[in-house]
Amino acid sequence: PGIAVNAEESGRRAGEGDLEWCVDPLDGTTNYA
């Protein structure tokens, strides 16, 4: 819960410290569609 998140659809969520999750929930959306 304390680690920041940078997600493609919902954007950035601040956190504590220097770690950050980078989330691509669906890499290849056009392929998927």
All heavy atoms as atom14 arrays in JSON, in Angstrom:
{
  "sequence": "PGIAVNAEESGRRAGEGDLEWCVDPLDGTTNYA",
  "atom14_mask": [
    [1, 1, 1, 1, 1, 1, 1, 0, 0, 0, 0, 0, 0, 0],
    [1, 1, 1, 1, 0, 0, 0, 0, 0, 0, 0, 0, 0, 0],
    [1, 1, 1, 1, 1, 1, 1, 1, 0, 0, 0, 0, 0, 0],
    [1, 1, 1, 1, 1, 0, 0, 0, 0, 0, 0, 0, 0, 0],
    [1, 1, 1, 1, 1, 1, 1, 0, 0, 0, 0, 0, 0, 0],
    [1, 1, 1, 1, 1, 1, 1, 1, 0, 0, 0, 0, 0, 0],
    [1, 1, 1, 1, 1, 0, 0, 0, 0, 0, 0, 0, 0, 0],
    [1, 1, 1, 1, 1, 1, 1, 1, 1, 0, 0, 0, 0, 0],
    [1, 1, 1, 1, 1, 1, 1, 1, 1, 0, 0, 0, 0, 0],
    [1, 1, 1, 1, 1, 1, 0, 0, 0, 0, 0, 0, 0, 0],
    [1, 1, 1, 1, 0, 0, 0, 0, 0, 0, 0, 0, 0, 0],
    [1, 1, 1, 1, 1, 1, 1, 1, 1, 1, 1, 0, 0, 0],
    [1, 1, 1, 1, 1, 1, 1, 1, 1, 1, 1, 0, 0, 0],
    [1, 1, 1, 1, 1, 0, 0, 0, 0, 0, 0, 0, 0, 0],
    [1, 1, 1, 1, 0, 0, 0, 0, 0, 0, 0, 0, 0, 0],
    [1, 1, 1, 1, 1, 1, 1, 1, 1, 0, 0, 0, 0, 0],
    [1, 1, 1, 1, 0, 0, 0, 0, 0, 0, 0, 0, 0, 0],
    [1, 1, 1, 1, 1, 1, 1, 1, 0, 0, 0, 0, 0, 0],
    [1, 1, 1, 1, 1, 1, 1, 1, 0, 0, 0, 0, 0, 0],
    [1, 1, 1, 1, 1, 1, 1, 1, 1, 0, 0, 0, 0, 0],
    [1, 1, 1, 1, 1, 1, 1, 1, 1, 1, 1, 1, 1, 1],
    [1, 1, 1, 1, 1, 1, 0, 0, 0, 0, 0, 0, 0, 0],
    [1, 1, 1, 1, 1, 1, 1, 0, 0, 0, 0, 0, 0, 0],
    [1, 1, 1, 1, 1, 1, 1, 1, 0, 0, 0, 0, 0, 0],
    [1, 1, 1, 1, 1, 1, 1, 0, 0, 0, 0, 0, 0, 0],
    [1, 1, 1, 1, 1, 1, 1, 1, 0, 0, 0, 0, 0, 0],
    [1, 1, 1, 1, 1, 1, 1, 1, 0, 0, 0, 0, 0, 0],
    [1, 1, 1, 1, 0, 0, 0, 0, 0, 0, 0, 0, 0, 0],
    [1, 1, 1, 1, 1, 1, 1, 0, 0, 0, 0, 0, 0, 0],
    [1, 1, 1, 1, 1, 1, 1, 0, 0, 0, 0, 0, 0, 0],
    [1, 1, 1, 1, 1, 1, 1, 1, 0, 0, 0, 0, 0, 0],
    [1, 1, 1, 1, 1, 1, 1, 1, 1, 1, 1, 1, 0, 0],
    [1, 1, 1, 1, 1, 0, 0, 0, 0, 0, 0, 0, 0, 0]
  ],
  "atom14_positions": [
    [[0.8, -1.23, 0.0], [0.0, 0.0, 0.0], [0.83, 1.28, 0.0], [0.34, 2.34, -0.42], [-0.83, -0.12, 1.29], [-0.04, -1.05, 2.16], [0.59, -2.03, 1.22], [0.0, 0.0, 0.0], [0.0, 0.0, 0.0], [0.0, 0.0, 0.0], [0.0, 0.0, 0.0], [0.0, 0.0, 0.0], [0.0, 0.0, 0.0], [0.0, 0.0, 0.0]],
    [[2.08, 1.22, 0.44], [2.88, 2.42, 0.5], [3.69, 2.73, -0.75], [4.33, 3.78, -0.84], [0.0, 0.0, 0.0], [0.0, 0.0, 0.0], [0.0, 0.0, 0.0], [0.0, 0.0, 0.0], [0.0, 0.0, 0.0], [0.0, 0.0, 0.0], [0.0, 0.0, 0.0], [0.0, 0.0, 0.0], [0.0, 0.0, 0.0], [0.0, 0.0, 0.0]],
    [[3.66, 1.84, -1.73], [4.46, 2.03, -2.94], [3.64, 2.74, -4.01], [2.48, 2.38, -4.26], [4.98, 0.68, -3.48], [5.94, 0.06, -2.46], [5.67, 0.85, -4.82], [6.53, -1.28, -2.89], [0.0, 0.0, 0.0], [0.0, 0.0, 0.0], [0.0, 0.0, 0.0], [0.0, 0.0, 0.0], [0.0, 0.0, 0.0], [0.0, 0.0, 0.0]],
    [[4.22, 3.73, -4.63], [3.55, 4.5, -5.69], [3.23, 3.59, -6.88], [3.88, 2.56, -7.09], [4.43, 5.65, -6.14], [0.0, 0.0, 0.0], [0.0, 0.0, 0.0], [0.0, 0.0, 0.0], [0.0, 0.0, 0.0], [0.0, 0.0, 0.0], [0.0, 0.0, 0.0], [0.0, 0.0, 0.0], [0.0, 0.0, 0.0], [0.0, 0.0, 0.0]],
    [[2.24, 4.0, -7.65], [1.81, 3.25, -8.83], [1.67, 4.2, -10.01], [1.1, 5.28, -9.88], [0.47, 2.53, -8.59], [0.0, 1.82, -9.86], [0.58, 1.54, -7.44], [0.0, 0.0, 0.0], [0.0, 0.0, 0.0], [0.0, 0.0, 0.0], [0.0, 0.0, 0.0], [0.0, 0.0, 0.0], [0.0, 0.0, 0.0], [0.0, 0.0, 0.0]],
    [[2.18, 3.78, -11.16], [1.98, 4.49, -12.42], [1.32, 3.5, -13.37], [1.98, 2.6, -13.9], [3.31, 4.98, -12.98], [3.14, 5.83, -14.23], [2.03, 6.21, -14.58], [4.25, 6.13, -14.89], [0.0, 0.0, 0.0], [0.0, 0.0, 0.0], [0.0, 0.0, 0.0], [0.0, 0.0, 0.0], [0.0, 0.0, 0.0], [0.0, 0.0, 0.0]],
    [[0.0, 3.62, -13.55], [-0.77, 2.67, -14.34], [-1.32, 3.36, -15.58], [-1.72, 4.52, -15.54], [-1.91, 2.09, -13.51], [0.0, 0.0, 0.0], [0.0, 0.0, 0.0], [0.0, 0.0, 0.0], [0.0, 0.0, 0.0], [0.0, 0.0, 0.0], [0.0, 0.0, 0.0], [0.0, 0.0, 0.0], [0.0, 0.0, 0.0], [0.0, 0.0, 0.0]],
    [[-1.37, 2.61, -16.68], [-1.74, 3.21, -17.96], [-3.12, 3.85, -17.95], [-3.31, 4.95, -18.47], [-1.66, 2.17, -19.08], [-2.02, 2.78, -20.44], [-1.86, 1.83, -21.6], [-1.68, 0.62, -21.37], [-1.91, 2.31, -22.75], [0.0, 0.0, 0.0], [0.0, 0.0, 0.0], [0.0, 0.0, 0.0], [0.0, 0.0, 0.0], [0.0, 0.0, 0.0]],
    [[-4.1, 3.18, -17.39], [-5.47, 3.69, -17.49], [-5.84, 4.66, -16.39], [-6.59, 5.61, -16.62], [-6.46, 2.51, -17.5], [-6.21, 1.49, -18.61], [-6.14, 2.11, -19.99], [-6.78, 3.16, -20.22], [-5.43, 1.55, -20.85], [0.0, 0.0, 0.0], [0.0, 0.0, 0.0], [0.0, 0.0, 0.0], [0.0, 0.0, 0.0], [0.0, 0.0, 0.0]],
    [[-5.35, 4.46, -15.18], [-5.77, 5.3, -14.06], [-4.73, 6.34, -13.66], [-5.0, 7.18, -12.79], [-6.11, 4.42, -12.85], [-5.01, 3.62, -12.47], [0.0, 0.0, 0.0], [0.0, 0.0, 0.0], [0.0, 0.0, 0.0], [0.0, 0.0, 0.0], [0.0, 0.0, 0.0], [0.0, 0.0, 0.0], [0.0, 0.0, 0.0], [0.0, 0.0, 0.0]],
    [[-3.55, 6.29, -14.26], [-2.54, 7.3, -13.97], [-1.72, 7.01, -12.73], [-1.59, 5.87, -12.31], [0.0, 0.0, 0.0], [0.0, 0.0, 0.0], [0.0, 0.0, 0.0], [0.0, 0.0, 0.0], [0.0, 0.0, 0.0], [0.0, 0.0, 0.0], [0.0, 0.0, 0.0], [0.0, 0.0, 0.0], [0.0, 0.0, 0.0], [0.0, 0.0, 0.0]],
    [[-1.18, 8.07, -12.14], [-0.25, 7.93, -11.02], [-0.95, 8.03, -9.68], [-1.85, 8.84, -9.49], [0.83, 9.01, -11.1], [2.1, 8.54, -11.81], [3.28, 9.43, -11.46], [4.53, 8.76, -11.78], [5.22, 8.96, -12.88], [4.79, 9.8, -13.79], [6.37, 8.32, -13.07], [0.0, 0.0, 0.0], [0.0, 0.0, 0.0], [0.0, 0.0, 0.0]],
    [[-0.47, 7.19, -8.76], [-0.9, 7.26, -7.37], [0.35, 7.44, -6.52], [1.28, 6.67, -6.62], [-1.62, 5.98, -6.96], [-2.2, 6.02, -5.55], [-2.61, 4.62, -5.1], [-1.42, 3.8, -4.79], [-1.45, 2.49, -4.64], [-2.57, 1.82, -4.83], [-0.35, 1.82, -4.35], [0.0, 0.0, 0.0], [0.0, 0.0, 0.0], [0.0, 0.0, 0.0]],
    [[0.37, 8.48, -5.73], [1.55, 8.79, -4.93], [1.8, 7.71, -3.88], [0.87, 7.01, -3.45], [1.4, 10.15, -4.26], [0.0, 0.0, 0.0], [0.0, 0.0, 0.0], [0.0, 0.0, 0.0], [0.0, 0.0, 0.0], [0.0, 0.0, 0.0], [0.0, 0.0, 0.0], [0.0, 0.0, 0.0], [0.0, 0.0, 0.0], [0.0, 0.0, 0.0]],
    [[3.05, 7.6, -3.48], [3.42, 6.64, -2.45], [4.54, 7.17, -1.59], [4.89, 8.35, -1.66], [0.0, 0.0, 0.0], [0.0, 0.0, 0.0], [0.0, 0.0, 0.0], [0.0, 0.0, 0.0], [0.0, 0.0, 0.0], [0.0, 0.0, 0.0], [0.0, 0.0, 0.0], [0.0, 0.0, 0.0], [0.0, 0.0, 0.0], [0.0, 0.0, 0.0]],
    [[5.11, 6.28, -0.8], [6.21, 6.64, 0.07], [7.5, 6.02, -0.47], [7.51, 4.9, -0.96], [5.94, 6.12, 1.49], [4.61, 6.58, 2.07], [4.21, 5.77, 3.3], [5.01, 4.9, 3.71], [3.11, 6.01, 3.83], [0.0, 0.0, 0.0], [0.0, 0.0, 0.0], [0.0, 0.0, 0.0], [0.0, 0.0, 0.0], [0.0, 0.0, 0.0]],
    [[8.61, 6.76, -0.36], [9.88, 6.21, -0.78], [10.12, 6.33, -2.27], [9.44, 7.08, -2.98], [0.0, 0.0, 0.0], [0.0, 0.0, 0.0], [0.0, 0.0, 0.0], [0.0, 0.0, 0.0], [0.0, 0.0, 0.0], [0.0, 0.0, 0.0], [0.0, 0.0, 0.0], [0.0, 0.0, 0.0], [0.0, 0.0, 0.0], [0.0, 0.0, 0.0]],
    [[11.08, 5.55, -2.77], [11.57, 5.7, -4.14], [11.12, 4.59, -5.08], [11.53, 4.56, -6.24], [13.1, 5.74, -4.12], [13.65, 6.93, -3.35], [13.18, 8.05, -3.61], [14.52, 6.73, -2.48], [0.0, 0.0, 0.0], [0.0, 0.0, 0.0], [0.0, 0.0, 0.0], [0.0, 0.0, 0.0], [0.0, 0.0, 0.0], [0.0, 0.0, 0.0]],
    [[10.32, 3.68, -4.6], [9.83, 2.6, -5.45], [8.53, 3.0, -6.13], [7.73, 3.76, -5.57], [9.59, 1.33, -4.62], [10.82, 0.66, -4.02], [10.4, -0.43, -3.04], [11.73, 0.08, -5.11], [0.0, 0.0, 0.0], [0.0, 0.0, 0.0], [0.0, 0.0, 0.0], [0.0, 0.0, 0.0], [0.0, 0.0, 0.0], [0.0, 0.0, 0.0]],
    [[8.31, 2.49, -7.34], [7.06, 2.76, -8.05], [6.74, 1.57, -8.96], [7.57, 1.1, -9.72], [7.17, 4.03, -8.9], [5.89, 4.37, -9.65], [5.98, 5.67, -10.41], [6.76, 5.73, -11.38], [5.27, 6.63, -10.05], [0.0, 0.0, 0.0], [0.0, 0.0, 0.0], [0.0, 0.0, 0.0], [0.0, 0.0, 0.0], [0.0, 0.0, 0.0]],
    [[5.49, 1.12, -8.87], [4.99, 0.1, -9.78], [4.61, 0.74, -11.1], [3.97, 1.8, -11.12], [3.77, -0.6, -9.19], [4.01, -1.44, -7.98], [3.62, -1.17, -6.7], [4.68, -2.72, -7.94], [4.0, -2.19, -5.86], [4.65, -3.15, -6.59], [5.29, -3.52, -8.9], [5.22, -4.35, -6.18], [5.86, -4.72, -8.5], [5.83, -5.13, -7.16]],
    [[4.96, 0.09, -12.2], [4.55, 0.54, -13.53], [3.68, -0.57, -14.12], [4.15, -1.69, -14.33], [5.75, 0.79, -14.42], [6.77, 2.18, -13.9], [0.0, 0.0, 0.0], [0.0, 0.0, 0.0], [0.0, 0.0, 0.0], [0.0, 0.0, 0.0], [0.0, 0.0, 0.0], [0.0, 0.0, 0.0], [0.0, 0.0, 0.0], [0.0, 0.0, 0.0]],
    [[2.42, -0.24, -14.38], [1.42, -1.26, -14.73], [0.84, -1.01, -16.11], [0.25, 0.05, -16.37], [0.28, -1.28, -13.69], [-0.79, -2.28, -14.1], [0.81, -1.57, -12.3], [0.0, 0.0, 0.0], [0.0, 0.0, 0.0], [0.0, 0.0, 0.0], [0.0, 0.0, 0.0], [0.0, 0.0, 0.0], [0.0, 0.0, 0.0], [0.0, 0.0, 0.0]],
    [[1.01, -1.97, -16.99], [0.3, -1.99, -18.27], [-0.66, -3.17, -18.21], [-0.26, -4.32, -18.38], [1.26, -2.16, -19.44], [0.59, -1.88, -20.78], [-0.65, -1.94, -20.83], [1.3, -1.62, -21.77], [0.0, 0.0, 0.0], [0.0, 0.0, 0.0], [0.0, 0.0, 0.0], [0.0, 0.0, 0.0], [0.0, 0.0, 0.0], [0.0, 0.0, 0.0]],
    [[-1.94, -2.92, -17.93], [-2.87, -4.03, -17.72], [-3.11, -4.86, -18.97], [-3.37, -6.06, -18.89], [-4.15, -3.34, -17.27], [-4.05, -1.96, -17.87], [-2.6, -1.61, -17.81], [0.0, 0.0, 0.0], [0.0, 0.0, 0.0], [0.0, 0.0, 0.0], [0.0, 0.0, 0.0], [0.0, 0.0, 0.0], [0.0, 0.0, 0.0], [0.0, 0.0, 0.0]],
    [[-3.03, -4.19, -20.13], [-3.22, -4.9, -21.39], [-2.26, -4.31, -22.42], [-2.57, -3.37, -23.13], [-4.68, -4.78, -21.87], [-5.04, -5.37, -23.24], [-4.45, -6.76, -23.43], [-6.55, -5.39, -23.43], [0.0, 0.0, 0.0], [0.0, 0.0, 0.0], [0.0, 0.0, 0.0], [0.0, 0.0, 0.0], [0.0, 0.0, 0.0], [0.0, 0.0, 0.0]],
    [[-1.08, -4.86, -22.45], [-0.09, -4.46, -23.46], [-0.47, -5.17, -24.76], [-0.49, -6.39, -24.83], [1.31, -4.9, -23.0], [2.37, -4.53, -24.03], [2.4, -3.36, -24.45], [3.16, -5.41, -24.41], [0.0, 0.0, 0.0], [0.0, 0.0, 0.0], [0.0, 0.0, 0.0], [0.0, 0.0, 0.0], [0.0, 0.0, 0.0], [0.0, 0.0, 0.0]],
    [[-0.79, -4.38, -25.78], [-1.28, -4.95, -27.02], [-2.79, -4.86, -27.14], [-3.44, -5.79, -27.61], [0.0, 0.0, 0.0], [0.0, 0.0, 0.0], [0.0, 0.0, 0.0], [0.0, 0.0, 0.0], [0.0, 0.0, 0.0], [0.0, 0.0, 0.0], [0.0, 0.0, 0.0], [0.0, 0.0, 0.0], [0.0, 0.0, 0.0], [0.0, 0.0, 0.0]],
    [[-3.36, -3.72, -26.74], [-4.82, -3.57, -26.76], [-5.39, -3.72, -28.17], [-6.43, -4.36, -28.36], [-5.23, -2.2, -26.17], [-4.81, -2.13, -24.82], [-6.74, -2.02, -26.23], [0.0, 0.0, 0.0], [0.0, 0.0, 0.0], [0.0, 0.0, 0.0], [0.0, 0.0, 0.0], [0.0, 0.0, 0.0], [0.0, 0.0, 0.0], [0.0, 0.0, 0.0]],
    [[-4.74, -3.13, -29.16], [-5.24, -3.24, -30.53], [-5.23, -4.7, -30.98], [-6.18, -5.16, -31.63], [-4.41, -2.37, -31.48], [-4.46, -1.01, -31.04], [-4.93, -2.45, -32.91], [0.0, 0.0, 0.0], [0.0, 0.0, 0.0], [0.0, 0.0, 0.0], [0.0, 0.0, 0.0], [0.0, 0.0, 0.0], [0.0, 0.0, 0.0], [0.0, 0.0, 0.0]],
    [[-4.17, -5.43, -30.65], [-4.15, -6.86, -30.95], [-5.34, -7.56, -30.31], [-6.03, -8.36, -30.94], [-2.86, -7.5, -30.41], [-1.62, -7.03, -31.15], [-1.7, -6.45, -32.22], [-0.46, -7.29, -30.56], [0.0, 0.0, 0.0], [0.0, 0.0, 0.0], [0.0, 0.0, 0.0], [0.0, 0.0, 0.0], [0.0, 0.0, 0.0], [0.0, 0.0, 0.0]],
    [[-5.53, -7.25, -29.04], [-6.62, -7.88, -28.27], [-7.98, -7.61, -28.91], [-8.8, -8.52, -29.08], [-6.58, -7.34, -26.84], [-7.47, -8.07, -25.87], [-7.01, -9.19, -25.18], [-8.76, -7.62, -25.61], [-7.81, -9.85, -24.25], [-9.58, -8.27, -24.69], [-9.1, -9.39, -24.02], [-9.9, -10.05, -23.12], [0.0, 0.0, 0.0], [0.0, 0.0, 0.0]],
    [[-8.2, -6.36, -29.29], [-9.49, -5.97, -29.87], [-9.76, -6.66, -31.19], [-10.92, -6.86, -31.58], [-9.54, -4.45, -30.05], [0.0, 0.0, 0.0], [0.0, 0.0, 0.0], [0.0, 0.0, 0.0], [0.0, 0.0, 0.0], [0.0, 0.0, 0.0], [0.0, 0.0, 0.0], [0.0, 0.0, 0.0], [0.0, 0.0, 0.0], [0.0, 0.0, 0.0]]
  ]
}
